[in-house]
Amino acid sequence: MTESMHTPGTTAPPPLGASALPAGTYDGSVVLVTGGGSGLGKAVAAEFARPGAHLVLVGRNAGRLAAAREELAPLTGGRVLAVPCDIRDPERITEVFDSAEAELGPPDVLVNNAAANFPSPAEDLSPNAWRAVLDITLTGTWFMTREFGRRHLAYATGGSIVCVGASYAWTGGPGYAHSAAAKAGVKNLVETLAVEWGPYGIRVNGLVPGLMPHEDMTGDIRSHLDRDGDAGGGGSGDLDARQPALRVGLPRELGWAATFLASPYAAFVSGHSLVVDGANWQRRSLVAPPVVPVREQLGRGPFTLPGAE
């Protein structure tokens, strides 16, 4: 995707390839990223690679993982492993950590990026849809976090966990009841475990992305963004004008924030959720806009009970 042009009122980020931390900050460190084969997960992994980290990319799609490994390997002096895994399976997670330790050593940093999401009116959510989003986004995050924490507790070593969240964990998310509930649980895990594991040198933080379009966005979310842009008359490019920074974010900006949170430079930061969205989640209108029901926003007709004629 092309980057937004710099317009008055915004700050242009450093170019792709710049590092937020000194060279070598992560030399010898092992960083495990779930959902690391595509999208924001891959972008975050890239920014850990630049300061020298070994990478362990975890995801369900083996093909995407292999392609990401080839793309990211030239960025780091370390190694890049691609390990397929469904994070809903705790036994498979144990195998992933065993493999990473055998190849590279115990992961020093865990980035919980993997999640499931799609827009839907709450009343249309099936039990399977609800379970799928909760199981991947919340339970899978917990399984990964537990495995990481248990190993560091057993080895008496410190570590850093970064959980990718969402601002509707605070505000609620009409059209995303399943994801908002799951992300609220993730936020609570961050705050709970930061205190519980802090005495053992394990830091836990949250990282909340704003709108950062990328080529791997799912079709339903992409179409929803296109509708949002069209509502302003400017197509999807109008999304820039809908942000207080007058531009959408870039995936590498999330990566830079992640590398800071997990680094020694943030050694006294734990239990915090850092929002990287140009203040968009704080935005309020002086005059409240008309309420448009979620069903209408998603182009759905009136709700009818299953089986009703």
Protein backbone atom coordinates (compact mmCIF):
# COMPACT_ATOMS: atom_id res chain seq x y z
CA MET A 1 0.00 0.00 0.00
CA THR A 2 1.25 3.50 -0.74
CA GLU A 3 2.06 5.77 2.16
CA SER A 4 -0.08 8.81 2.89
CA MET A 5 1.33 12.15 1.75
CA HIS A 6 2.53 14.47 4.48
CA THR A 7 -0.13 17.13 5.02
CA PRO A 8 -0.23 20.09 7.42
CA GLY A 9 -0.83 19.02 10.99
CA THR A 10 0.84 15.63 10.71
CA THR A 11 4.32 14.39 11.50
CA ALA A 12 5.97 12.23 8.88
CA PRO A 13 7.61 9.13 10.39
CA PRO A 14 11.17 8.08 9.59
CA PRO A 15 11.51 6.04 6.40
CA LEU A 16 11.09 2.29 6.12
CA GLY A 17 14.32 0.66 7.23
CA ALA A 18 15.03 3.07 10.06
CA SER A 19 15.36 1.54 13.52
CA ALA A 20 13.88 3.01 16.68
CA LEU A 21 16.69 1.62 18.84
CA PRO A 22 20.48 1.50 18.65
CA ALA A 23 21.98 -1.15 16.41
CA GLY A 24 22.53 -4.37 18.29
CA THR A 25 19.90 -3.71 20.98
CA TYR A 26 18.45 -7.17 20.40
CA ASP A 27 21.65 -9.01 19.45
CA GLY A 28 21.37 -12.54 20.80
CA SER A 29 17.75 -12.08 21.90
CA VAL A 30 15.02 -14.46 20.77
CA VAL A 31 11.69 -12.82 19.90
CA LEU A 32 8.58 -14.94 19.26
CA VAL A 33 5.74 -13.28 17.34
CA THR A 34 2.35 -14.93 16.91
CA GLY A 35 0.56 -14.09 13.69
CA GLY A 36 4.04 -13.24 12.44
CA GLY A 37 3.54 -14.44 8.88
CA SER A 38 1.58 -11.47 7.61
CA GLY A 39 0.17 -8.03 8.30
CA LEU A 40 1.01 -6.17 11.48
CA GLY A 41 2.67 -9.22 13.02
CA LYS A 42 5.18 -9.40 10.20
CA ALA A 43 5.77 -5.64 10.42
CA VAL A 44 6.45 -5.91 14.15
CA ALA A 45 8.81 -8.85 13.61
CA ALA A 46 10.73 -6.81 11.02
CA GLU A 47 11.46 -4.05 13.51
CA PHE A 48 12.83 -6.56 16.03
CA ALA A 49 14.99 -8.04 13.27
CA ARG A 50 16.68 -4.74 12.40
CA PRO A 51 18.39 -4.38 15.84
CA GLY A 52 19.59 -7.97 15.61
CA ALA A 53 16.96 -10.30 17.11
CA HIS A 54 16.54 -13.95 16.29
CA LEU A 55 12.90 -14.41 15.25
CA VAL A 56 10.40 -17.20 15.81
CA LEU A 57 7.39 -16.61 13.55
CA VAL A 58 4.27 -18.49 14.62
CA GLY A 59 1.02 -18.79 12.69
CA ARG A 60 -1.44 -21.21 11.16
CA ASN A 61 -0.53 -20.66 7.51
CA ALA A 62 2.74 -22.46 6.73
CA GLY A 63 3.04 -20.85 3.29
CA ARG A 64 2.76 -17.31 4.66
CA LEU A 65 5.25 -18.13 7.41
CA ALA A 66 7.78 -19.45 4.90
CA ALA A 67 7.40 -16.34 2.73
CA ALA A 68 7.79 -14.07 5.76
CA ARG A 69 10.93 -15.93 6.82
CA GLU A 70 12.50 -15.32 3.41
CA GLU A 71 11.53 -11.65 3.52
CA LEU A 72 12.77 -11.00 7.05
CA ALA A 73 15.96 -13.06 7.09
CA PRO A 74 18.05 -10.39 5.28
CA LEU A 75 17.09 -7.78 7.90
CA THR A 76 18.80 -9.43 10.83
CA GLY A 77 22.15 -10.87 11.76
CA GLY A 78 20.20 -13.51 13.64
CA ARG A 79 18.17 -16.47 12.47
CA VAL A 80 14.50 -16.69 11.55
CA LEU A 81 12.40 -19.74 12.33
CA ALA A 82 8.92 -20.30 10.93
CA VAL A 83 6.85 -22.63 13.11
CA PRO A 84 3.22 -23.45 12.19
CA CYS A 85 0.92 -23.53 15.20
CA ASP A 86 -2.72 -23.07 16.12
CA ILE A 87 -2.45 -21.17 19.40
CA ARG A 88 -5.71 -22.71 20.59
CA ASP A 89 -3.77 -25.96 21.12
CA PRO A 90 -1.68 -25.80 24.33
CA GLU A 91 0.15 -29.04 23.56
CA ARG A 92 1.29 -27.68 20.21
CA ILE A 93 2.38 -24.46 21.92
CA THR A 94 4.62 -26.49 24.21
CA GLU A 95 6.16 -28.11 21.13
CA VAL A 96 6.75 -24.68 19.57
CA PHE A 97 8.63 -23.44 22.63
CA ASP A 98 10.61 -26.68 22.78
CA SER A 99 11.63 -26.25 19.13
CA ALA A 100 12.57 -22.61 19.62
CA GLU A 101 14.70 -23.45 22.65
CA ALA A 102 16.46 -26.29 20.84
CA GLU A 103 17.29 -24.08 17.85
CA LEU A 104 17.86 -20.65 19.36
CA GLY A 105 17.40 -20.74 23.12
CA PRO A 106 14.41 -19.70 25.25
CA PRO A 107 12.44 -16.76 23.83
CA ASP A 108 13.28 -13.53 25.66
CA VAL A 109 10.31 -11.64 24.20
CA LEU A 110 6.81 -12.80 23.36
CA VAL A 111 4.59 -10.68 21.11
CA ASN A 112 0.99 -11.87 21.28
CA ASN A 113 -0.30 -10.52 17.98
CA ALA A 114 -2.51 -13.35 16.67
CA ALA A 115 -6.23 -12.61 16.82
CA ALA A 116 -9.47 -13.28 14.98
CA ASN A 117 -11.91 -10.55 14.03
CA PHE A 118 -14.68 -9.61 11.63
CA PRO A 119 -17.48 -7.04 11.82
CA SER A 120 -20.94 -8.33 12.69
CA PRO A 121 -24.09 -7.16 14.43
CA ALA A 122 -24.10 -8.83 17.85
CA GLU A 123 -27.41 -10.56 17.20
CA ASP A 124 -26.01 -12.29 14.11
CA LEU A 125 -23.08 -13.92 15.93
CA SER A 126 -23.34 -17.69 16.03
CA PRO A 127 -21.96 -19.71 18.96
CA ASN A 128 -19.14 -20.93 16.72
CA ALA A 129 -18.25 -17.41 15.60
CA TRP A 130 -18.19 -16.20 19.20
CA ARG A 131 -16.04 -19.13 20.35
CA ALA A 132 -13.60 -18.80 17.44
CA VAL A 133 -12.82 -15.16 18.20
CA LEU A 134 -12.62 -15.66 21.97
CA ASP A 135 -10.56 -18.84 21.65
CA ILE A 136 -7.95 -17.31 19.36
CA THR A 137 -7.83 -13.75 20.67
CA LEU A 138 -8.11 -14.35 24.42
CA THR A 139 -7.59 -18.03 25.20
CA GLY A 140 -4.80 -18.46 22.65
CA THR A 141 -3.07 -15.38 24.00
CA TRP A 142 -3.35 -16.83 27.50
CA PHE A 143 -1.93 -20.21 26.44
CA MET A 144 1.08 -18.51 24.81
CA THR A 145 1.58 -16.20 27.78
CA ARG A 146 1.31 -19.00 30.31
CA GLU A 147 3.90 -21.13 28.48
CA PHE A 148 6.31 -18.19 28.25
CA GLY A 149 5.80 -17.24 31.90
CA ARG A 150 6.13 -20.76 33.27
CA ARG A 151 9.44 -21.30 31.52
CA HIS A 152 10.94 -18.05 32.75
CA LEU A 153 9.73 -18.77 36.27
CA ALA A 154 11.31 -22.22 36.12
CA TYR A 155 14.59 -20.86 34.71
CA ALA A 156 14.62 -17.85 37.08
CA THR A 157 15.07 -15.50 34.14
CA GLY A 158 13.37 -12.25 33.24
CA GLY A 159 11.42 -11.68 30.05
CA SER A 160 9.08 -9.31 28.30
CA ILE A 161 5.57 -9.88 26.93
CA VAL A 162 3.77 -7.48 24.58
CA CYS A 163 0.09 -8.18 23.92
CA VAL A 164 -1.51 -6.46 20.94
CA GLY A 165 -4.84 -5.07 22.05
CA ALA A 166 -7.58 -2.76 20.80
CA SER A 167 -8.93 0.56 22.04
CA TYR A 168 -12.44 -0.83 22.27
CA ALA A 169 -11.23 -2.84 25.26
CA TRP A 170 -11.89 0.48 27.07
CA THR A 171 -14.73 1.93 25.06
CA GLY A 172 -16.72 -1.05 23.79
CA GLY A 173 -16.92 -1.83 20.11
CA PRO A 174 -20.32 -1.77 18.40
CA GLY A 175 -20.14 -4.22 15.51
CA TYR A 176 -17.31 -6.09 17.26
CA ALA A 177 -18.88 -7.41 20.47
CA HIS A 178 -16.91 -10.68 20.25
CA SER A 179 -13.54 -9.02 19.63
CA ALA A 180 -14.14 -6.20 22.11
CA ALA A 181 -14.93 -8.71 24.86
CA ALA A 182 -11.82 -10.72 24.02
CA LYS A 183 -9.54 -7.69 23.88
CA ALA A 184 -10.91 -6.45 27.22
CA GLY A 185 -9.81 -9.80 28.63
CA VAL A 186 -6.36 -9.37 27.09
CA LYS A 187 -6.04 -5.89 28.64
CA ASN A 188 -6.93 -7.35 32.03
CA LEU A 189 -4.34 -10.11 31.61
CA VAL A 190 -1.70 -7.45 30.93
CA GLU A 191 -2.56 -5.57 34.11
CA THR A 192 -2.93 -8.68 36.28
CA LEU A 193 0.21 -10.50 35.19
CA ALA A 194 2.38 -7.38 35.27
CA VAL A 195 1.83 -7.32 39.03
CA GLU A 196 1.86 -11.07 39.60
CA TRP A 197 5.03 -11.76 37.61
CA GLY A 198 6.82 -8.45 38.19
CA PRO A 199 8.80 -9.76 41.19
CA TYR A 200 10.31 -12.40 38.89
CA GLY A 201 11.52 -9.92 36.29
CA ILE A 202 8.77 -10.62 33.76
CA ARG A 203 7.25 -7.45 32.30
CA VAL A 204 3.86 -7.45 30.57
CA ASN A 205 2.57 -4.59 28.44
CA GLY A 206 -0.16 -3.94 25.91
CA LEU A 207 0.18 -2.33 22.50
CA VAL A 208 -2.88 -0.91 20.77
CA PRO A 209 -2.74 -0.13 17.04
CA GLY A 210 -4.84 2.47 15.34
CA LEU A 211 -5.87 2.31 11.70
CA MET A 212 -2.84 0.94 9.85
CA PRO A 213 -3.97 -0.39 6.47
CA HIS A 214 -1.87 -3.20 5.02
CA GLU A 215 -2.08 -5.70 2.20
CA ASP A 216 -3.11 -8.62 4.41
CA MET A 217 -6.29 -7.11 5.85
CA THR A 218 -9.24 -9.49 5.58
CA GLY A 219 -11.78 -8.78 2.86
CA ASP A 220 -14.62 -7.97 5.26
CA ILE A 221 -12.58 -5.44 7.21
CA ARG A 222 -11.20 -3.95 3.98
CA SER A 223 -14.70 -3.53 2.58
CA HIS A 224 -15.85 -1.97 5.84
CA LEU A 225 -13.02 0.59 5.62
CA ASP A 226 -13.92 1.28 2.00
CA ARG A 227 -17.52 1.99 3.03
CA ASP A 228 -16.23 4.30 5.77
CA GLY A 229 -14.14 6.21 3.27
CA ASP A 230 -16.98 6.41 0.77
CA ALA A 231 -19.22 7.95 3.45
CA GLY A 232 -17.02 11.04 3.34
CA GLY A 233 -17.18 11.26 -0.42
CA GLY A 234 -13.49 10.71 -0.90
CA GLY A 235 -13.20 6.95 -1.21
CA SER A 236 -10.81 4.97 0.98
CA GLY A 237 -8.27 7.82 0.79
CA ASP A 238 -10.67 9.88 2.91
CA LEU A 239 -9.64 7.71 5.85
CA ASP A 240 -6.69 10.08 6.38
CA ALA A 241 -9.07 12.97 7.05
CA ARG A 242 -10.86 10.87 9.69
CA GLN A 243 -7.78 10.74 11.94
CA PRO A 244 -6.72 13.62 14.24
CA ALA A 245 -3.20 13.24 12.81
CA LEU A 246 -4.71 13.67 9.32
CA ARG A 247 -3.17 10.40 8.22
CA VAL A 248 -3.50 6.70 8.91
CA GLY A 249 -0.70 4.90 10.69
CA LEU A 250 2.06 2.84 9.12
CA PRO A 251 2.70 -0.74 10.28
CA ARG A 252 6.33 -0.01 11.10
CA GLU A 253 5.17 2.58 13.66
CA LEU A 254 3.58 -0.24 15.64
CA GLY A 255 6.80 -2.22 15.30
CA TRP A 256 8.89 0.64 16.67
CA ALA A 257 6.62 0.92 19.69
CA ALA A 258 6.83 -2.83 20.30
CA THR A 259 10.62 -2.83 20.19
CA PHE A 260 10.71 -0.04 22.77
CA LEU A 261 8.23 -1.67 25.15
CA ALA A 262 10.13 -4.96 25.13
CA SER A 263 13.58 -3.36 25.41
CA PRO A 264 15.81 -2.50 28.37
CA TYR A 265 14.94 1.16 27.71
CA ALA A 266 11.44 0.40 29.04
CA ALA A 267 12.65 -1.65 32.01
CA PHE A 268 10.40 0.31 34.41
CA VAL A 269 7.33 0.13 32.18
CA SER A 270 4.96 -2.73 32.94
CA GLY A 271 1.19 -3.14 33.12
CA HIS A 272 0.79 -0.34 30.59
CA SER A 273 -1.15 -0.33 27.31
CA LEU A 274 0.40 2.01 24.77
CA VAL A 275 -2.03 3.28 22.14
CA VAL A 276 -0.43 4.05 18.76
CA ASP A 277 -3.27 5.67 16.84
CA GLY A 278 -2.62 9.41 16.52
CA ALA A 279 -5.16 10.09 19.31
CA ASN A 280 -8.04 8.73 17.23
CA TRP A 281 -9.59 6.78 20.08
CA GLN A 282 -9.80 9.99 22.14
CA ARG A 283 -11.66 11.90 19.45
CA ARG A 284 -15.07 13.38 20.26
CA SER A 285 -17.31 15.60 18.12
CA LEU A 286 -18.56 18.93 19.41
CA VAL A 287 -21.95 18.01 18.01
CA ALA A 288 -22.88 14.34 18.22
CA PRO A 289 -23.41 12.83 14.76
CA PRO A 290 -26.64 10.97 13.98
CA VAL A 291 -26.76 7.40 15.28
CA VAL A 292 -26.63 4.84 12.48
CA PRO A 293 -27.41 1.29 13.68
CA VAL A 294 -24.67 -1.26 13.13
CA ARG A 295 -26.89 -3.31 10.81
CA GLU A 296 -27.26 -0.32 8.50
CA GLN A 297 -23.54 0.46 8.64
CA LEU A 298 -22.82 -3.10 7.51
CA GLY A 299 -25.52 -3.11 4.85
CA ARG A 300 -27.62 -5.75 6.60
CA GLY A 301 -31.40 -5.97 6.34
CA PRO A 302 -33.77 -6.27 9.33
CA PHE A 303 -32.96 -9.10 11.74
CA THR A 304 -35.19 -12.16 11.68
CA LEU A 305 -35.05 -15.13 14.03
CA PRO A 306 -33.51 -18.29 12.52
CA GLY A 307 -36.21 -20.43 10.95
CA ALA A 308 -38.76 -17.61 10.98
CA GLU A 309 -40.72 -17.13 7.76
